Amino acid sequence: MRLPLLVFSLLAAAASGAAAQTPTAAEPTPTVTGITVTSAGTYTAQTTSTPARSGQQTPTGTVGTAADWHFLSDSTDIPGKAGTQFGIEFRLDGAPAGDAVTLYAAFTFPPQGIRNPNTGAVMRTAKIAFPNVKIGALSLFGYGFDNDWEIVPGVWTEQIWYQDRMLAERSFRVLKE
């Protein structure tokens, strides 16, 4: 096992020595200058749920990926019923276009929070990391009610963050059906 590692190390050293003789240009670091909100409100989408990964704290323990979304309303009043989806559609401003960065969606729920009946845990906030958000591409961060127990009437606030900078914020009022 030691021989292949040694050969790999020698090849890497030889390659880096050759590279030192040839000037190279540094790859540009993505720069995020802001966000352009294109829609906010309720939408329909084809959604696929997967278990939440590290850095993704959600009341249900899952994160959905939406495709083919279409906004139904730009109202901040959200019907509190299973199947309702709401959120913010945006375009990330910056350069170079097409480069990917990690953004965070942060949700603040009404003061009583969301109680997961399966775990007993109460969440008052959620923070979800989304790696690979492309600069210049249309994106969507939202929340969908899959279970009746998630529906907590009151003000829900959604924020979009890049590193330590808040790029957008919208408040929605979930109404009791």
C-alpha atoms as a PDB file:
ATOM      1  CA  MET A   1       0.000   0.000   0.000  1.00  0.00           C
ATOM      2  CA  ARG A   2       2.921   2.281   0.662  1.00  0.00           C
ATOM      3  CA  LEU A   3       4.333   2.048  -2.884  1.00  0.00           C
ATOM      4  CA  PRO A   4       1.290   3.470  -4.744  1.00  0.00           C
ATOM      5  CA  LEU A   5       1.108   6.349  -2.268  1.00  0.00           C
ATOM      6  CA  LEU A   6       4.799   7.087  -2.757  1.00  0.00           C
ATOM      7  CA  VAL A   7       4.452   6.983  -6.544  1.00  0.00           C
ATOM      8  CA  PHE A   8       1.428   9.299  -6.376  1.00  0.00           C
ATOM      9  CA  SER A   9       3.368  11.720  -4.167  1.00  0.00           C
ATOM     10  CA  LEU A  10       6.334  11.728  -6.543  1.00  0.00           C
ATOM     11  CA  LEU A  11       4.106  12.297  -9.558  1.00  0.00           C
ATOM     12  CA  ALA A  12       2.347  15.131  -7.770  1.00  0.00           C
ATOM     13  CA  ALA A  13       5.684  16.725  -6.880  1.00  0.00           C
ATOM     14  CA  ALA A  14       6.910  16.428 -10.472  1.00  0.00           C
ATOM     15  CA  ALA A  15       3.679  17.940 -11.799  1.00  0.00           C
ATOM     16  CA  SER A  16       3.834  20.845  -9.357  1.00  0.00           C
ATOM     17  CA  GLY A  17       7.468  21.504 -10.323  1.00  0.00           C
ATOM     18  CA  ALA A  18       6.495  21.699 -13.983  1.00  0.00           C
ATOM     19  CA  ALA A  19       3.578  23.965 -13.140  1.00  0.00           C
ATOM     20  CA  ALA A  20       5.884  26.315 -11.237  1.00  0.00           C
ATOM     21  CA  GLN A  21       7.724  27.031 -14.480  1.00  0.00           C
ATOM     22  CA  THR A  22       4.548  27.985 -16.340  1.00  0.00           C
ATOM     23  CA  PRO A  23       2.699  31.135 -15.201  1.00  0.00           C
ATOM     24  CA  THR A  24      -0.975  30.448 -14.394  1.00  0.00           C
ATOM     25  CA  ALA A  25      -3.882  32.771 -13.845  1.00  0.00           C
ATOM     26  CA  ALA A  26      -5.763  32.483 -10.567  1.00  0.00           C
ATOM     27  CA  GLU A  27      -9.353  31.343 -10.845  1.00  0.00           C
ATOM     28  CA  PRO A  28     -11.719  34.240 -10.147  1.00  0.00           C
ATOM     29  CA  THR A  29     -13.524  34.002  -6.809  1.00  0.00           C
ATOM     30  CA  PRO A  30     -17.306  34.332  -7.132  1.00  0.00           C
ATOM     31  CA  THR A  31     -18.569  37.719  -6.017  1.00  0.00           C
ATOM     32  CA  VAL A  32     -22.166  38.109  -4.808  1.00  0.00           C
ATOM     33  CA  THR A  33     -23.374  41.704  -5.119  1.00  0.00           C
ATOM     34  CA  GLY A  34     -27.034  41.212  -4.200  1.00  0.00           C
ATOM     35  CA  ILE A  35     -30.270  39.570  -5.136  1.00  0.00           C
ATOM     36  CA  THR A  36     -33.179  40.437  -7.395  1.00  0.00           C
ATOM     37  CA  VAL A  37     -36.512  39.157  -6.060  1.00  0.00           C
ATOM     38  CA  THR A  38     -38.683  38.236  -9.044  1.00  0.00           C
ATOM     39  CA  SER A  39     -41.730  36.812  -7.186  1.00  0.00           C
ATOM     40  CA  ALA A  40     -42.911  36.071  -3.670  1.00  0.00           C
ATOM     41  CA  GLY A  41     -46.111  34.389  -2.534  1.00  0.00           C
ATOM     42  CA  THR A  42     -47.791  31.043  -3.137  1.00  0.00           C
ATOM     43  CA  TYR A  43     -46.730  28.705  -5.911  1.00  0.00           C
ATOM     44  CA  THR A  44     -47.229  25.209  -7.266  1.00  0.00           C
ATOM     45  CA  ALA A  45     -44.311  22.946  -8.103  1.00  0.00           C
ATOM     46  CA  GLN A  46     -43.241  19.376  -8.546  1.00  0.00           C
ATOM     47  CA  THR A  47     -41.439  18.749  -5.268  1.00  0.00           C
ATOM     48  CA  THR A  48     -39.126  15.914  -4.269  1.00  0.00           C
ATOM     49  CA  SER A  49     -38.275  15.542  -0.580  1.00  0.00           C
ATOM     50  CA  THR A  50     -35.004  14.120   0.725  1.00  0.00           C
ATOM     51  CA  PRO A  51     -33.664  13.750   4.267  1.00  0.00           C
ATOM     52  CA  ALA A  52     -32.038  16.932   5.570  1.00  0.00           C
ATOM     53  CA  ARG A  53     -28.238  16.923   5.494  1.00  0.00           C
ATOM     54  CA  SER A  54     -25.763  18.545   7.827  1.00  0.00           C
ATOM     55  CA  GLY A  55     -26.448  22.300   7.893  1.00  0.00           C
ATOM     56  CA  GLN A  56     -30.129  21.842   7.076  1.00  0.00           C
ATOM     57  CA  GLN A  57     -32.343  22.216  10.157  1.00  0.00           C
ATOM     58  CA  THR A  58     -36.028  21.737   9.371  1.00  0.00           C
ATOM     59  CA  PRO A  59     -39.155  20.887  11.425  1.00  0.00           C
ATOM     60  CA  THR A  60     -39.797  17.727   9.387  1.00  0.00           C
ATOM     61  CA  GLY A  61     -36.192  16.588   8.964  1.00  0.00           C
ATOM     62  CA  THR A  62     -36.578  16.785   5.187  1.00  0.00           C
ATOM     63  CA  VAL A  63     -35.714  19.301   2.466  1.00  0.00           C
ATOM     64  CA  GLY A  64     -37.682  19.599  -0.756  1.00  0.00           C
ATOM     65  CA  THR A  65     -36.393  20.384  -4.205  1.00  0.00           C
ATOM     66  CA  ALA A  66     -38.892  22.173  -6.459  1.00  0.00           C
ATOM     67  CA  ALA A  67     -39.054  21.934 -10.237  1.00  0.00           C
ATOM     68  CA  ASP A  68     -41.381  23.557 -12.761  1.00  0.00           C
ATOM     69  CA  TRP A  69     -42.707  26.066 -10.234  1.00  0.00           C
ATOM     70  CA  HIS A  70     -45.396  28.565 -11.109  1.00  0.00           C
ATOM     71  CA  PHE A  71     -46.511  31.422  -8.858  1.00  0.00           C
ATOM     72  CA  LEU A  72     -50.240  31.556  -8.127  1.00  0.00           C
ATOM     73  CA  SER A  73     -50.376  34.705  -6.016  1.00  0.00           C
ATOM     74  CA  ASP A  74     -48.105  37.477  -4.771  1.00  0.00           C
ATOM     75  CA  SER A  75     -50.197  37.848  -1.621  1.00  0.00           C
ATOM     76  CA  THR A  76     -48.470  37.651   1.737  1.00  0.00           C
ATOM     77  CA  ASP A  77     -51.608  35.954   3.152  1.00  0.00           C
ATOM     78  CA  ILE A  78     -50.994  32.210   2.971  1.00  0.00           C
ATOM     79  CA  PRO A  79     -53.801  29.644   3.290  1.00  0.00           C
ATOM     80  CA  GLY A  80     -53.022  27.251   6.136  1.00  0.00           C
ATOM     81  CA  LYS A  81     -53.713  23.919   4.484  1.00  0.00           C
ATOM     82  CA  ALA A  82     -51.657  20.884   3.552  1.00  0.00           C
ATOM     83  CA  GLY A  83     -50.208  21.182   0.062  1.00  0.00           C
ATOM     84  CA  THR A  84     -49.750  24.968   0.181  1.00  0.00           C
ATOM     85  CA  GLN A  85     -46.301  26.150  -0.910  1.00  0.00           C
ATOM     86  CA  PHE A  86     -44.975  29.695  -0.497  1.00  0.00           C
ATOM     87  CA  GLY A  87     -41.681  31.494  -0.758  1.00  0.00           C
ATOM     88  CA  ILE A  88     -39.338  33.744  -2.702  1.00  0.00           C
ATOM     89  CA  GLU A  89     -38.168  33.401  -6.302  1.00  0.00           C
ATOM     90  CA  PHE A  90     -34.961  35.295  -7.039  1.00  0.00           C
ATOM     91  CA  ARG A  91     -31.948  35.776  -9.253  1.00  0.00           C
ATOM     92  CA  LEU A  92     -28.556  35.951  -7.537  1.00  0.00           C
ATOM     93  CA  ASP A  93     -26.556  38.975  -8.709  1.00  0.00           C
ATOM     94  CA  GLY A  94     -22.786  38.810  -9.042  1.00  0.00           C
ATOM     95  CA  ALA A  95     -19.963  37.430 -11.145  1.00  0.00           C
ATOM     96  CA  PRO A  96     -18.925  35.324 -12.833  1.00  0.00           C
ATOM     97  CA  ALA A  97     -22.323  34.190 -14.079  1.00  0.00           C
ATOM     98  CA  GLY A  98     -22.871  30.476 -13.617  1.00  0.00           C
ATOM     99  CA  ASP A  99     -20.485  30.088 -10.680  1.00  0.00           C
ATOM    100  CA  ALA A 100     -22.021  28.414  -7.643  1.00  0.00           C
ATOM    101  CA  VAL A 101     -22.111  29.644  -4.048  1.00  0.00           C
ATOM    102  CA  THR A 102     -23.812  28.485  -0.847  1.00  0.00           C
ATOM    103  CA  LEU A 103     -26.863  30.455   0.268  1.00  0.00           C
ATOM    104  CA  TYR A 104     -28.951  29.968   3.397  1.00  0.00           C
ATOM    105  CA  ALA A 105     -32.708  30.184   3.805  1.00  0.00           C
ATOM    106  CA  ALA A 106     -33.667  31.177   7.343  1.00  0.00           C
ATOM    107  CA  PHE A 107     -37.253  30.896   8.565  1.00  0.00           C
ATOM    108  CA  THR A 108     -38.666  32.421  11.729  1.00  0.00           C
ATOM    109  CA  PHE A 109     -41.943  30.823  12.748  1.00  0.00           C
ATOM    110  CA  PRO A 110     -44.681  32.299  14.968  1.00  0.00           C
ATOM    111  CA  PRO A 111     -43.681  32.508  18.675  1.00  0.00           C
ATOM    112  CA  GLN A 112     -45.206  29.142  19.637  1.00  0.00           C
ATOM    113  CA  GLY A 113     -43.001  27.425  17.023  1.00  0.00           C
ATOM    114  CA  ILE A 114     -43.696  24.207  15.154  1.00  0.00           C
ATOM    115  CA  ARG A 115     -43.954  21.044  17.260  1.00  0.00           C
ATOM    116  CA  ASN A 116     -43.080  17.814  15.492  1.00  0.00           C
ATOM    117  CA  PRO A 117     -45.408  15.197  17.048  1.00  0.00           C
ATOM    118  CA  ASN A 118     -43.024  12.376  16.080  1.00  0.00           C
ATOM    119  CA  THR A 119     -40.037  13.777  17.994  1.00  0.00           C
ATOM    120  CA  GLY A 120     -41.605  16.264  20.402  1.00  0.00           C
ATOM    121  CA  ALA A 121     -39.101  18.880  19.220  1.00  0.00           C
ATOM    122  CA  VAL A 122     -40.286  22.474  18.891  1.00  0.00           C
ATOM    123  CA  MET A 123     -38.601  24.690  16.297  1.00  0.00           C
ATOM    124  CA  ARG A 124     -38.954  28.449  16.328  1.00  0.00           C
ATOM    125  CA  THR A 125     -36.415  29.002  13.559  1.00  0.00           C
ATOM    126  CA  ALA A 126     -34.951  26.940  10.748  1.00  0.00           C
ATOM    127  CA  LYS A 127     -31.768  27.490   8.792  1.00  0.00           C
ATOM    128  CA  ILE A 128     -31.158  25.549   5.612  1.00  0.00           C
ATOM    129  CA  ALA A 129     -27.928  25.583   3.595  1.00  0.00           C
ATOM    130  CA  PHE A 130     -28.278  25.400  -0.174  1.00  0.00           C
ATOM    131  CA  PRO A 131     -24.943  24.732  -1.867  1.00  0.00           C
ATOM    132  CA  ASN A 132     -24.533  25.245  -5.602  1.00  0.00           C
ATOM    133  CA  VAL A 133     -26.875  28.216  -6.121  1.00  0.00           C
ATOM    134  CA  LYS A 134     -25.717  29.615  -9.447  1.00  0.00           C
ATOM    135  CA  ILE A 135     -25.053  33.310  -9.955  1.00  0.00           C
ATOM    136  CA  GLY A 136     -27.504  34.667 -12.528  1.00  0.00           C
ATOM    137  CA  ALA A 137     -29.857  31.655 -12.458  1.00  0.00           C
ATOM    138  CA  LEU A 138     -33.478  31.797 -11.352  1.00  0.00           C
ATOM    139  CA  SER A 139     -33.863  30.091  -7.952  1.00  0.00           C
ATOM    140  CA  LEU A 140     -36.625  29.437  -5.417  1.00  0.00           C
ATOM    141  CA  PHE A 141     -36.502  29.144  -1.631  1.00  0.00           C
ATOM    142  CA  GLY A 142     -39.799  28.322  -0.001  1.00  0.00           C
ATOM    143  CA  TYR A 143     -41.762  26.235   2.447  1.00  0.00           C
ATOM    144  CA  GLY A 144     -44.446  23.666   1.744  1.00  0.00           C
ATOM    145  CA  PHE A 145     -46.974  22.284   4.215  1.00  0.00           C
ATOM    146  CA  ASP A 146     -46.762  18.499   3.942  1.00  0.00           C
ATOM    147  CA  ASN A 147     -48.406  17.785   7.315  1.00  0.00           C
ATOM    148  CA  ASP A 148     -51.251  19.452   9.195  1.00  0.00           C
ATOM    149  CA  TRP A 149     -49.044  19.782  12.304  1.00  0.00           C
ATOM    150  CA  GLU A 150     -46.681  22.144  10.403  1.00  0.00           C
ATOM    151  CA  ILE A 151     -49.431  24.697   9.861  1.00  0.00           C
ATOM    152  CA  VAL A 152     -48.972  27.337  12.554  1.00  0.00           C
ATOM    153  CA  PRO A 153     -51.055  30.483  12.025  1.00  0.00           C
ATOM    154  CA  GLY A 154     -49.222  33.780  12.380  1.00  0.00           C
ATOM    155  CA  VAL A 155     -46.300  35.633  10.818  1.00  0.00           C
ATOM    156  CA  TRP A 156     -43.597  33.554   9.141  1.00  0.00           C
ATOM    157  CA  THR A 157     -40.468  35.403   8.032  1.00  0.00           C
ATOM    158  CA  GLU A 158     -38.136  34.079   5.351  1.00  0.00           C
ATOM    159  CA  GLN A 159     -34.650  35.475   4.829  1.00  0.00           C
ATOM    160  CA  ILE A 160     -31.998  34.660   2.232  1.00  0.00           C
ATOM    161  CA  TRP A 161     -28.381  34.925   3.406  1.00  0.00           C
ATOM    162  CA  TYR A 162     -24.976  34.817   1.759  1.00  0.00           C
ATOM    163  CA  GLN A 163     -22.187  34.373   4.303  1.00  0.00           C
ATOM    164  CA  ASP A 164     -22.958  37.011   6.971  1.00  0.00           C
ATOM    165  CA  ARG A 165     -25.107  39.253   4.735  1.00  0.00           C
ATOM    166  CA  MET A 166     -28.893  39.159   4.488  1.00  0.00           C
ATOM    167  CA  LEU A 167     -29.849  39.558   0.823  1.00  0.00           C
ATOM    168  CA  ALA A 168     -33.666  39.429   1.047  1.00  0.00           C
ATOM    169  CA  GLU A 169     -36.476  39.184   3.579  1.00  0.00           C
ATOM    170  CA  ARG A 170     -40.210  38.644   3.215  1.00  0.00           C
ATOM    171  CA  SER A 171     -42.896  38.079   5.857  1.00  0.00           C
ATOM    172  CA  PHE A 172     -45.956  35.938   5.184  1.00  0.00           C
ATOM    173  CA  ARG A 173     -49.102  35.605   7.325  1.00  0.00           C
ATOM    174  CA  VAL A 174     -50.298  32.008   7.545  1.00  0.00           C
ATOM    175  CA  LEU A 175     -54.065  31.964   8.030  1.00  0.00           C
ATOM    176  CA  LYS A 176     -56.055  29.293   9.808  1.00  0.00           C
ATOM    177  CA  GLU A 177     -58.350  27.439   7.403  1.00  0.00           C
END
